[in-house]
């Protein structure tokens, strides 16, 4: 029975992570600076549009790493 307990805990953690990501995507359009930071690459040439949010990705990575580091310190 302990095998199912491990799977259940994993599914709960996955569900929490998915809910958090969904919440960020839902609120993400309302954050004014998101996607418009210096360093985000945007190329528009007629009908061709290319956008790569490099700085935004680095910012989210740093914030996520900080949160995970804090969780590991207080564990």
PDB file of N, CA and C in Angstrom:
ATOM      1  N   UNK A   1       0.810  -1.187   0.000  1.00  0.00           N
ATOM      2  CA  UNK A   1       0.000   0.000   0.000  1.00  0.00           C
ATOM      3  C   UNK A   1       0.859   1.259   0.000  1.00  0.00           C
ATOM      4  N   UNK A   2       2.097   1.192   0.443  1.00  0.00           N
ATOM      5  CA  UNK A   2       2.954   2.369   0.497  1.00  0.00           C
ATOM      6  C   UNK A   2       3.348   2.842  -0.903  1.00  0.00           C
ATOM      7  N   UNK A   3       3.306   1.946  -1.913  1.00  0.00           N
ATOM      8  CA  UNK A   3       3.623   2.365  -3.276  1.00  0.00           C
ATOM      9  C   UNK A   3       2.599   3.376  -3.773  1.00  0.00           C
ATOM     10  N   UNK A   4       1.338   3.153  -3.443  1.00  0.00           N
ATOM     11  CA  UNK A   4       0.302   4.080  -3.860  1.00  0.00           C
ATOM     12  C   UNK A   4       0.394   5.398  -3.101  1.00  0.00           C
ATOM     13  N   UNK A   5       0.879   5.359  -1.888  1.00  0.00           N
ATOM     14  CA  UNK A   5       1.058   6.569  -1.099  1.00  0.00           C
ATOM     15  C   UNK A   5       2.079   7.489  -1.767  1.00  0.00           C
ATOM     16  N   UNK A   6       3.161   6.920  -2.253  1.00  0.00           N
ATOM     17  CA  UNK A   6       4.191   7.700  -2.932  1.00  0.00           C
ATOM     18  C   UNK A   6       3.644   8.328  -4.212  1.00  0.00           C
ATOM     19  N   UNK A   7       2.877   7.558  -4.972  1.00  0.00           N
ATOM     20  CA  UNK A   7       2.278   8.057  -6.204  1.00  0.00           C
ATOM     21  C   UNK A   7       1.283   9.162  -5.883  1.00  0.00           C
ATOM     22  N   UNK A   8       0.507   8.999  -4.833  1.00  0.00           N
ATOM     23  CA  UNK A   8      -0.468  10.008  -4.432  1.00  0.00           C
ATOM     24  C   UNK A   8       0.191  11.323  -4.062  1.00  0.00           C
ATOM     25  N   UNK A   9       1.280  11.252  -3.300  1.00  0.00           N
ATOM     26  CA  UNK A   9       2.010  12.470  -2.930  1.00  0.00           C
ATOM     27  C   UNK A   9       2.590  13.142  -4.161  1.00  0.00           C
ATOM     28  N   UNK A  10       3.116  12.356  -5.084  1.00  0.00           N
ATOM     29  CA  UNK A  10       3.670  12.920  -6.309  1.00  0.00           C
ATOM     30  C   UNK A  10       2.612  13.612  -7.141  1.00  0.00           C
ATOM     31  N   UNK A  11       1.422  13.006  -7.229  1.00  0.00           N
ATOM     32  CA  UNK A  11       0.330  13.628  -7.975  1.00  0.00           C
ATOM     33  C   UNK A  11      -0.151  14.913  -7.307  1.00  0.00           C
ATOM     34  N   UNK A  12      -0.152  14.948  -5.984  1.00  0.00           N
ATOM     35  CA  UNK A  12      -0.537  16.175  -5.277  1.00  0.00           C
ATOM     36  C   UNK A  12       0.452  17.301  -5.555  1.00  0.00           C
ATOM     37  N   UNK A  13       1.740  16.994  -5.502  1.00  0.00           N
ATOM     38  CA  UNK A  13       2.760  18.003  -5.781  1.00  0.00           C
ATOM     39  C   UNK A  13       2.652  18.476  -7.229  1.00  0.00           C
ATOM     40  N   UNK A  14       2.456  17.561  -8.152  1.00  0.00           N
ATOM     41  CA  UNK A  14       2.297  17.925  -9.562  1.00  0.00           C
ATOM     42  C   UNK A  14       1.072  18.807  -9.759  1.00  0.00           C
ATOM     43  N   UNK A  15      -0.008  18.499  -9.071  1.00  0.00           N
ATOM     44  CA  UNK A  15      -1.217  19.312  -9.158  1.00  0.00           C
ATOM     45  C   UNK A  15      -1.004  20.718  -8.636  1.00  0.00           C
ATOM     46  N   UNK A  16      -0.274  20.854  -7.545  1.00  0.00           N
ATOM     47  CA  UNK A  16       0.020  22.178  -6.989  1.00  0.00           C
ATOM     48  C   UNK A  16       0.886  22.978  -7.945  1.00  0.00           C
ATOM     49  N   UNK A  17       1.876  22.325  -8.534  1.00  0.00           N
ATOM     50  CA  UNK A  17       2.751  23.008  -9.500  1.00  0.00           C
ATOM     51  C   UNK A  17       1.952  23.461 -10.716  1.00  0.00           C
ATOM     52  N   UNK A  18       1.089  22.585 -11.238  1.00  0.00           N
ATOM     53  CA  UNK A  18       0.269  22.952 -12.393  1.00  0.00           C
ATOM     54  C   UNK A  18      -0.685  24.095 -12.063  1.00  0.00           C
ATOM     55  N   UNK A  19      -1.253  24.102 -10.860  1.00  0.00           N
ATOM     56  CA  UNK A  19      -2.144  25.188 -10.450  1.00  0.00           C
ATOM     57  C   UNK A  19      -1.373  26.505 -10.353  1.00  0.00           C
ATOM     58  N   UNK A  20      -0.155  26.462  -9.839  1.00  0.00           N
ATOM     59  CA  UNK A  20       0.657  27.671  -9.736  1.00  0.00           C
ATOM     60  C   UNK A  20       1.019  28.210 -11.112  1.00  0.00           C
ATOM     61  N   UNK A  21       1.407  27.333 -12.022  1.00  0.00           N
ATOM     62  CA  UNK A  21       1.741  27.762 -13.385  1.00  0.00           C
ATOM     63  C   UNK A  21       0.503  28.326 -14.080  1.00  0.00           C
ATOM     64  N   UNK A  22      -0.637  27.687 -13.898  1.00  0.00           N
ATOM     65  CA  UNK A  22      -1.882  28.189 -14.467  1.00  0.00           C
ATOM     66  C   UNK A  22      -2.241  29.562 -13.928  1.00  0.00           C
ATOM     67  N   UNK A  23      -2.041  29.760 -12.649  1.00  0.00           N
ATOM     68  CA  UNK A  23      -2.298  31.072 -12.049  1.00  0.00           C
ATOM     69  C   UNK A  23      -1.379  32.143 -12.600  1.00  0.00           C
ATOM     70  N   UNK A  24      -0.112  31.797 -12.794  1.00  0.00           N
ATOM     71  CA  UNK A  24       0.819  32.762 -13.382  1.00  0.00           C
ATOM     72  C   UNK A  24       0.431  33.116 -14.811  1.00  0.00           C
ATOM     73  N   UNK A  25       0.005  32.140 -15.580  1.00  0.00           N
ATOM     74  CA  UNK A  25      -0.416  32.412 -16.956  1.00  0.00           C
ATOM     75  C   UNK A  25      -1.693  33.243 -16.991  1.00  0.00           C
ATOM     76  N   UNK A  26      -2.566  33.011 -16.034  1.00  0.00           N
ATOM     77  CA  UNK A  26      -3.824  33.746 -15.968  1.00  0.00           C
ATOM     78  C   UNK A  26      -3.583  35.209 -15.615  1.00  0.00           C
ATOM     79  N   UNK A  27      -2.684  35.460 -14.655  1.00  0.00           N
ATOM     80  CA  UNK A  27      -2.391  36.808 -14.201  1.00  0.00           C
ATOM     81  C   UNK A  27      -1.303  37.445 -15.056  1.00  0.00           C
ATOM     82  N   UNK A  28      -0.567  36.655 -15.808  1.00  0.00           N
ATOM     83  CA  UNK A  28       0.582  37.148 -16.562  1.00  0.00           C
ATOM     84  C   UNK A  28       0.272  38.280 -17.520  1.00  0.00           C
ATOM     85  N   UNK A  29      -0.904  38.290 -18.130  1.00  0.00           N
ATOM     86  CA  UNK A  29      -1.263  39.355 -19.052  1.00  0.00           C
ATOM     87  C   UNK A  29      -1.519  40.676 -18.361  1.00  0.00           C
ATOM     88  N   UNK A  30      -1.727  40.651 -17.045  1.00  0.00           N
ATOM     89  CA  UNK A  30      -2.027  41.864 -16.293  1.00  0.00           C
ATOM     90  C   UNK A  30      -0.784  42.509 -15.696  1.00  0.00           C
ATOM     91  N   UNK A  31       0.350  41.840 -15.782  1.00  0.00           N
ATOM     92  CA  UNK A  31       1.608  42.401 -15.274  1.00  0.00           C
ATOM     93  C   UNK A  31       2.200  43.264 -16.384  1.00  0.00           C
ATOM     94  N   UNK A  32       2.322  44.572 -16.173  1.00  0.00           N
ATOM     95  CA  UNK A  32       2.673  45.476 -17.284  1.00  0.00           C
ATOM     96  C   UNK A  32       4.072  45.275 -17.863  1.00  0.00           C
ATOM     97  N   UNK A  33       5.051  44.949 -17.041  1.00  0.00           N
ATOM     98  CA  UNK A  33       6.422  44.846 -17.542  1.00  0.00           C
ATOM     99  C   UNK A  33       6.762  43.472 -18.102  1.00  0.00           C
ATOM    100  N   UNK A  34       5.891  42.500 -17.912  1.00  0.00           N
ATOM    101  CA  UNK A  34       6.175  41.134 -18.341  1.00  0.00           C
ATOM    102  C   UNK A  34       6.228  41.050 -19.861  1.00  0.00           C
ATOM    103  N   UNK A  35       7.360  40.633 -20.383  1.00  0.00           N
ATOM    104  CA  UNK A  35       7.538  40.508 -21.822  1.00  0.00           C
ATOM    105  C   UNK A  35       8.043  41.769 -22.482  1.00  0.00           C
ATOM    106  N   UNK A  36       8.245  42.810 -21.716  1.00  0.00           N
ATOM    107  CA  UNK A  36       8.729  44.076 -22.282  1.00  0.00           C
ATOM    108  C   UNK A  36       9.995  44.563 -21.572  1.00  0.00           C
ATOM    109  N   UNK A  37      10.714  43.647 -21.003  1.00  0.00           N
ATOM    110  CA  UNK A  37      11.945  44.007 -20.312  1.00  0.00           C
ATOM    111  C   UNK A  37      13.063  44.249 -21.310  1.00  0.00           C
ATOM    112  N   UNK A  38      14.052  45.083 -20.936  1.00  0.00           N
ATOM    113  CA  UNK A  38      15.215  45.249 -21.809  1.00  0.00           C
ATOM    114  C   UNK A  38      15.929  43.902 -21.950  1.00  0.00           C
ATOM    115  N   UNK A  39      16.237  43.517 -23.156  1.00  0.00           N
ATOM    116  CA  UNK A  39      16.874  42.236 -23.401  1.00  0.00           C
ATOM    117  C   UNK A  39      15.929  41.215 -24.008  1.00  0.00           C
ATOM    118  N   UNK A  40      14.633  41.471 -23.953  1.00  0.00           N
ATOM    119  CA  UNK A  40      13.672  40.618 -24.650  1.00  0.00           C
ATOM    120  C   UNK A  40      13.795  40.916 -26.142  1.00  0.00           C
ATOM    121  N   UNK A  41      13.917  39.878 -26.939  1.00  0.00           N
ATOM    122  CA  UNK A  41      14.185  40.034 -28.371  1.00  0.00           C
ATOM    123  C   UNK A  41      12.867  40.066 -29.129  1.00  0.00           C
ATOM    124  N   UNK A  42      12.685  41.115 -29.926  1.00  0.00           N
ATOM    125  CA  UNK A  42      11.485  41.255 -30.748  1.00  0.00           C
ATOM    126  C   UNK A  42      11.907  41.718 -32.140  1.00  0.00           C
ATOM    127  N   UNK A  43      11.534  40.946 -33.144  1.00  0.00           N
ATOM    128  CA  UNK A  43      11.828  41.280 -34.537  1.00  0.00           C
ATOM    129  C   UNK A  43      10.504  41.303 -35.291  1.00  0.00           C
ATOM    130  N   UNK A  44      10.185  42.451 -35.899  1.00  0.00           N
ATOM    131  CA  UNK A  44       8.971  42.580 -36.700  1.00  0.00           C
ATOM    132  C   UNK A  44       9.373  43.102 -38.075  1.00  0.00           C
ATOM    133  N   UNK A  45       9.107  42.307 -39.097  1.00  0.00           N
ATOM    134  CA  UNK A  45       9.447  42.692 -40.467  1.00  0.00           C
ATOM    135  C   UNK A  45       8.265  42.327 -41.364  1.00  0.00           C
ATOM    136  N   UNK A  46       7.379  43.291 -41.557  1.00  0.00           N
ATOM    137  CA  UNK A  46       6.188  43.024 -42.358  1.00  0.00           C
ATOM    138  C   UNK A  46       5.298  42.018 -41.649  1.00  0.00           C
ATOM    139  N   UNK A  47       4.912  40.948 -42.333  1.00  0.00           N
ATOM    140  CA  UNK A  47       4.042  39.952 -41.694  1.00  0.00           C
ATOM    141  C   UNK A  47       4.802  39.006 -40.756  1.00  0.00           C
ATOM    142  N   UNK A  48       6.131  39.044 -40.811  1.00  0.00           N
ATOM    143  CA  UNK A  48       6.948  38.154 -39.975  1.00  0.00           C
ATOM    144  C   UNK A  48       7.147  38.782 -38.601  1.00  0.00           C
ATOM    145  N   UNK A  49       6.848  38.006 -37.567  1.00  0.00           N
ATOM    146  CA  UNK A  49       7.072  38.466 -36.198  1.00  0.00           C
ATOM    147  C   UNK A  49       7.760  37.361 -35.417  1.00  0.00           C
ATOM    148  N   UNK A  50       8.829  37.735 -34.736  1.00  0.00           N
ATOM    149  CA  UNK A  50       9.558  36.794 -33.895  1.00  0.00           C
ATOM    150  C   UNK A  50       9.748  37.450 -32.546  1.00  0.00           C
ATOM    151  N   UNK A  51       9.446  36.714 -31.495  1.00  0.00           N
ATOM    152  CA  UNK A  51       9.573  37.248 -30.153  1.00  0.00           C
ATOM    153  C   UNK A  51      10.182  36.183 -29.255  1.00  0.00           C
ATOM    154  N   UNK A  52      11.234  36.547 -28.543  1.00  0.00           N
ATOM    155  CA  UNK A  52      11.873  35.647 -27.591  1.00  0.00           C
ATOM    156  C   UNK A  52      12.128  36.409 -26.296  1.00  0.00           C
ATOM    157  N   UNK A  53      11.405  36.107 -25.225  1.00  0.00           N
ATOM    158  CA  UNK A  53      11.540  36.838 -23.956  1.00  0.00           C
ATOM    159  C   UNK A  53      12.742  36.363 -23.131  1.00  0.00           C
ATOM    160  N   UNK A  54      13.921  36.675 -23.584  1.00  0.00           N
ATOM    161  CA  UNK A  54      15.145  36.193 -22.939  1.00  0.00           C
ATOM    162  C   UNK A  54      15.267  36.695 -21.503  1.00  0.00           C
ATOM    163  N   UNK A  55      15.139  37.981 -21.297  1.00  0.00           N
ATOM    164  CA  UNK A  55      15.296  38.546 -19.961  1.00  0.00           C
ATOM    165  C   UNK A  55      14.186  38.080 -19.030  1.00  0.00           C
ATOM    166  N   UNK A  56      12.967  37.987 -19.545  1.00  0.00           N
ATOM    167  CA  UNK A  56      11.855  37.507 -18.723  1.00  0.00           C
ATOM    168  C   UNK A  56      12.105  36.066 -18.284  1.00  0.00           C
ATOM    169  N   UNK A  57      12.623  35.224 -19.178  1.00  0.00           N
ATOM    170  CA  UNK A  57      12.942  33.834 -18.824  1.00  0.00           C
ATOM    171  C   UNK A  57      14.024  33.772 -17.750  1.00  0.00           C
ATOM    172  N   UNK A  58      15.043  34.609 -17.877  1.00  0.00           N
ATOM    173  CA  UNK A  58      16.109  34.630 -16.874  1.00  0.00           C
ATOM    174  C   UNK A  58      15.585  35.105 -15.523  1.00  0.00           C
ATOM    175  N   UNK A  59      14.699  36.094 -15.543  1.00  0.00           N
ATOM    176  CA  UNK A  59      14.116  36.602 -14.301  1.00  0.00           C
ATOM    177  C   UNK A  59      13.287  35.524 -13.612  1.00  0.00           C
ATOM    178  N   UNK A  60      12.425  34.826 -14.359  1.00  0.00           N
ATOM    179  CA  UNK A  60      11.615  33.759 -13.772  1.00  0.00           C
ATOM    180  C   UNK A  60      12.486  32.610 -13.277  1.00  0.00           C
ATOM    181  N   UNK A  61      13.552  32.309 -13.982  1.00  0.00           N
ATOM    182  CA  UNK A  61      14.460  31.248 -13.553  1.00  0.00           C
ATOM    183  C   UNK A  61      15.138  31.618 -12.238  1.00  0.00           C
ATOM    184  N   UNK A  62      15.581  32.863 -12.121  1.00  0.00           N
ATOM    185  CA  UNK A  62      16.238  33.305 -10.892  1.00  0.00           C
ATOM    186  C   UNK A  62      15.263  33.298  -9.720  1.00  0.00           C
ATOM    187  N   UNK A  63      14.034  33.745  -9.938  1.00  0.00           N
ATOM    188  CA  UNK A  63      13.036  33.753  -8.869  1.00  0.00           C
ATOM    189  C   UNK A  63      12.689  32.325  -8.461  1.00  0.00           C
ATOM    190  N   UNK A  64      12.510  31.437  -9.436  1.00  0.00           N
ATOM    191  CA  UNK A  64      12.215  30.043  -9.129  1.00  0.00           C
ATOM    192  C   UNK A  64      13.354  29.368  -8.377  1.00  0.00           C
ATOM    193  N   UNK A  65      14.582  29.643  -8.786  1.00  0.00           N
ATOM    194  CA  UNK A  65      15.742  29.065  -8.093  1.00  0.00           C
ATOM    195  C   UNK A  65      15.830  29.571  -6.660  1.00  0.00           C
ATOM    196  N   UNK A  66      15.538  30.852  -6.458  1.00  0.00           N
ATOM    197  CA  UNK A  66      15.565  31.425  -5.110  1.00  0.00           C
ATOM    198  C   UNK A  66      14.500  30.779  -4.225  1.00  0.00           C
ATOM    199  N   UNK A  67      13.307  30.592  -4.754  1.00  0.00           N
ATOM    200  CA  UNK A  67      12.233  29.964  -3.977  1.00  0.00           C
ATOM    201  C   UNK A  67      12.592  28.529  -3.618  1.00  0.00           C
ATOM    202  N   UNK A  68      13.107  27.772  -4.583  1.00  0.00           N
ATOM    203  CA  UNK A  68      13.500  26.388  -4.288  1.00  0.00           C
ATOM    204  C   UNK A  68      14.659  26.327  -3.297  1.00  0.00           C
ATOM    205  N   UNK A  69      15.590  27.277  -3.393  1.00  0.00           N
ATOM    206  CA  UNK A  69      16.715  27.322  -2.439  1.00  0.00           C
ATOM    207  C   UNK A  69      16.190  27.607  -1.029  1.00  0.00           C
ATOM    208  N   UNK A  70      15.231  28.535  -0.930  1.00  0.00           N
ATOM    209  CA  UNK A  70      14.664  28.850   0.389  1.00  0.00           C
ATOM    210  C   UNK A  70      13.919  27.649   0.967  1.00  0.00           C
ATOM    211  N   UNK A  71      13.176  26.910   0.123  1.00  0.00           N
ATOM    212  CA  UNK A  71      12.497  25.712   0.607  1.00  0.00           C
ATOM    213  C   UNK A  71      13.492  24.670   1.092  1.00  0.00           C
ATOM    214  N   UNK A  72      14.619  24.537   0.407  1.00  0.00           N
ATOM    215  CA  UNK A  72      15.606  23.533   0.825  1.00  0.00           C
ATOM    216  C   UNK A  72      16.308  23.940   2.123  1.00  0.00           C
ATOM    217  N   UNK A  73      16.425  25.247   2.381  1.00  0.00           N
ATOM    218  CA  UNK A  73      17.062  25.706   3.614  1.00  0.00           C
ATOM    219  C   UNK A  73      16.184  25.449   4.842  1.00  0.00           C
ATOM    220  N   UNK A  74      14.877  25.563   4.696  1.00  0.00           N
ATOM    221  CA  UNK A  74      13.972  25.407   5.818  1.00  0.00           C
ATOM    222  C   UNK A  74      13.392  24.008   5.942  1.00  0.00           C
ATOM    223  N   UNK A  75      13.887  23.084   5.169  1.00  0.00           N
ATOM    224  CA  UNK A  75      13.380  21.712   5.198  1.00  0.00           C
ATOM    225  C   UNK A  75      13.872  20.967   6.399  1.00  0.00           C
TER     226      UNK A  75
END
